[in-house]
Amino acid sequence: MNKSRSAEDYMKNILILYKRNGAVRSVDIADEMGVTRPSVCNAMKKLRDENLIYFSDKGLIFFTDVGKAIAEKAYRKHALLTKALVGIGVNRSTAVKEACSIEHVISDETYECLDDFFRTHLSARTSNE
C-alpha cells in the first residue's frame, strides 16, 4: 500500500512515540513533529478514515494491524538509511534528515537490497573480527 509522505511520517512518529512512551496522544505528535494541533487532527482523521489508526475512549491513538505494518516498514527504512549514511561518514543530524527524505522515494526492492547488503556486510565484518 502506497501512503503519502506526510501519512508515513505521521505513522512513523506515532510508532516512535509509542515505543518511547507506551501511549500516544495528538498533542504528543504535534510536539514531536513541530506541527500544529489542527494539522495533527486533520492527519489523524485521514488515517482513521483509512482504517490505519483508531482512538481509545481516553483519546489515545493505536494502530490497526494494517497501520502498524505500514508504520513499522517506514520506521525500518528510516533506521536502515540513517545507519547506512552514518556508516559512510555523514554526521548523525544530517543522516536523520536525509534518511527521512530518501525513505519515501526508494522502492521496496531497493530497500530490500540495501537491507540484505548491510546484513551480509555486517555479518562478514563480525565473523572476521
Protein backbone atom coordinates (compact mmCIF):
# COMPACT_ATOMS: atom_id res chain seq x y z
CA MET A 1 0.00 0.00 0.00
CA ASN A 2 1.44 3.37 -1.01
CA LYS A 3 0.90 6.12 1.50
CA SER A 4 1.74 9.76 1.11
CA ARG A 5 4.97 11.06 2.58
CA SER A 6 3.02 13.00 5.19
CA ALA A 7 0.94 9.99 6.23
CA GLU A 8 4.07 7.83 6.54
CA ASP A 9 5.80 10.50 8.61
CA TYR A 10 2.85 10.73 10.98
CA MET A 11 2.64 6.97 11.29
CA LYS A 12 6.38 6.61 11.85
CA ASN A 13 6.24 9.25 14.57
CA ILE A 14 3.26 7.60 16.25
CA LEU A 15 5.28 4.37 16.36
CA ILE A 16 8.34 6.16 17.77
CA LEU A 17 6.23 7.86 20.45
CA TYR A 18 4.52 4.60 21.34
CA LYS A 19 7.89 2.85 21.73
CA ARG A 20 9.16 5.73 23.85
CA ASN A 21 6.10 6.47 26.00
CA GLY A 22 3.79 3.47 25.76
CA ALA A 23 0.89 5.76 24.79
CA VAL A 24 0.31 8.41 22.15
CA ARG A 25 -1.94 11.47 22.15
CA SER A 26 -2.41 14.01 19.38
CA VAL A 27 -0.60 16.67 21.41
CA ASP A 28 2.44 14.36 21.67
CA ILE A 29 2.55 14.06 17.89
CA ALA A 30 2.32 17.83 17.44
CA ASP A 31 5.18 18.36 19.89
CA GLU A 32 7.34 15.62 18.35
CA MET A 33 6.88 16.76 14.76
CA GLY A 34 6.78 20.50 15.39
CA VAL A 35 3.40 20.90 13.71
CA THR A 36 0.15 22.48 14.84
CA ARG A 37 -2.52 20.55 16.70
CA PRO A 38 -5.10 21.24 13.96
CA SER A 39 -2.66 19.70 11.42
CA VAL A 40 -2.39 16.60 13.58
CA CYS A 41 -6.17 16.47 13.96
CA ASN A 42 -6.64 16.56 10.18
CA ALA A 43 -3.97 13.91 9.62
CA MET A 44 -5.41 11.63 12.31
CA LYS A 45 -8.87 11.94 10.76
CA LYS A 46 -7.47 10.82 7.39
CA LEU A 47 -5.57 7.91 8.96
CA ARG A 48 -8.68 6.88 10.90
CA ASP A 49 -10.84 7.13 7.77
CA GLU A 50 -8.35 4.82 6.00
CA ASN A 51 -8.63 2.36 8.93
CA LEU A 52 -4.94 2.73 9.84
CA ILE A 53 -5.46 4.04 13.38
CA TYR A 54 -8.18 4.20 15.98
CA PHE A 55 -8.76 6.12 19.19
CA SER A 56 -9.43 4.74 22.64
CA ASP A 57 -12.16 6.19 24.85
CA LYS A 58 -9.41 8.25 26.52
CA GLY A 59 -8.19 9.74 23.23
CA LEU A 60 -5.10 7.55 22.92
CA ILE A 61 -4.04 6.61 19.40
CA PHE A 62 -3.49 2.99 18.39
CA PHE A 63 -2.69 1.27 15.10
CA THR A 64 -4.87 -1.20 13.30
CA ASP A 65 -2.92 -4.24 12.08
CA VAL A 66 -2.53 -2.71 8.62
CA GLY A 67 -1.49 0.64 10.07
CA LYS A 68 1.10 -0.96 12.32
CA ALA A 69 2.62 -2.84 9.38
CA ILE A 70 2.93 0.38 7.36
CA ALA A 71 4.42 2.30 10.30
CA GLU A 72 6.95 -0.44 11.07
CA LYS A 73 8.04 -0.61 7.44
CA ALA A 74 8.57 3.17 7.31
CA TYR A 75 10.48 3.01 10.60
CA ARG A 76 12.72 0.16 9.39
CA LYS A 77 13.52 2.04 6.18
CA HIS A 78 14.38 5.17 8.14
CA ALA A 79 16.57 3.26 10.61
CA LEU A 80 18.48 1.41 7.89
CA LEU A 81 19.06 4.53 5.81
CA THR A 82 20.19 6.52 8.85
CA LYS A 83 22.59 3.74 9.83
CA ALA A 84 23.94 3.48 6.28
CA LEU A 85 24.51 7.22 5.96
CA VAL A 86 26.21 7.45 9.36
CA GLY A 87 28.26 4.39 8.40
CA ILE A 88 29.72 6.16 5.38
CA GLY A 89 30.63 9.23 7.40
CA VAL A 90 27.59 11.53 7.25
CA ASN A 91 27.04 13.28 10.59
CA ARG A 92 24.07 11.91 12.51
CA SER A 93 21.90 15.03 12.30
CA THR A 94 22.25 15.24 8.52
CA ALA A 95 21.81 11.48 8.17
CA VAL A 96 18.50 11.55 10.06
CA LYS A 97 17.14 14.40 7.91
CA GLU A 98 18.27 12.88 4.63
CA ALA A 99 17.10 9.38 5.55
CA CYS A 100 13.65 10.87 6.09
CA SER A 101 13.66 12.18 2.52
CA ILE A 102 15.18 9.09 0.92
CA GLU A 103 12.85 6.61 2.66
CA HIS A 104 9.89 7.99 0.73
CA VAL A 105 11.39 7.64 -2.73
CA ILE A 106 13.21 4.30 -2.73
CA SER A 107 11.33 1.25 -3.88
CA ASP A 108 10.71 -1.80 -1.73
CA GLU A 109 13.16 -3.65 -3.99
CA THR A 110 15.92 -1.11 -3.34
CA TYR A 111 15.23 -1.18 0.39
CA GLU A 112 15.39 -4.99 0.47
CA CYS A 113 18.68 -4.98 -1.49
CA LEU A 114 20.20 -2.41 0.88
CA ASP A 115 18.99 -4.38 3.88
CA ASP A 116 20.47 -7.61 2.50
CA PHE A 117 23.75 -5.86 1.65
CA PHE A 118 24.17 -4.38 5.12
CA ARG A 119 23.24 -7.62 6.86
CA THR A 120 25.76 -9.52 4.77
CA HIS A 121 28.41 -6.82 5.18
CA LEU A 122 27.96 -6.57 8.94
CA SER A 123 27.84 -10.36 9.28
CA ALA A 124 31.11 -10.73 7.34
CA ARG A 125 32.75 -7.99 9.41
CA THR A 126 31.68 -9.59 12.67
CA SER A 127 32.95 -13.06 11.68
CA ASN A 128 36.35 -11.63 10.63
CA GLU A 129 36.95 -9.89 13.96
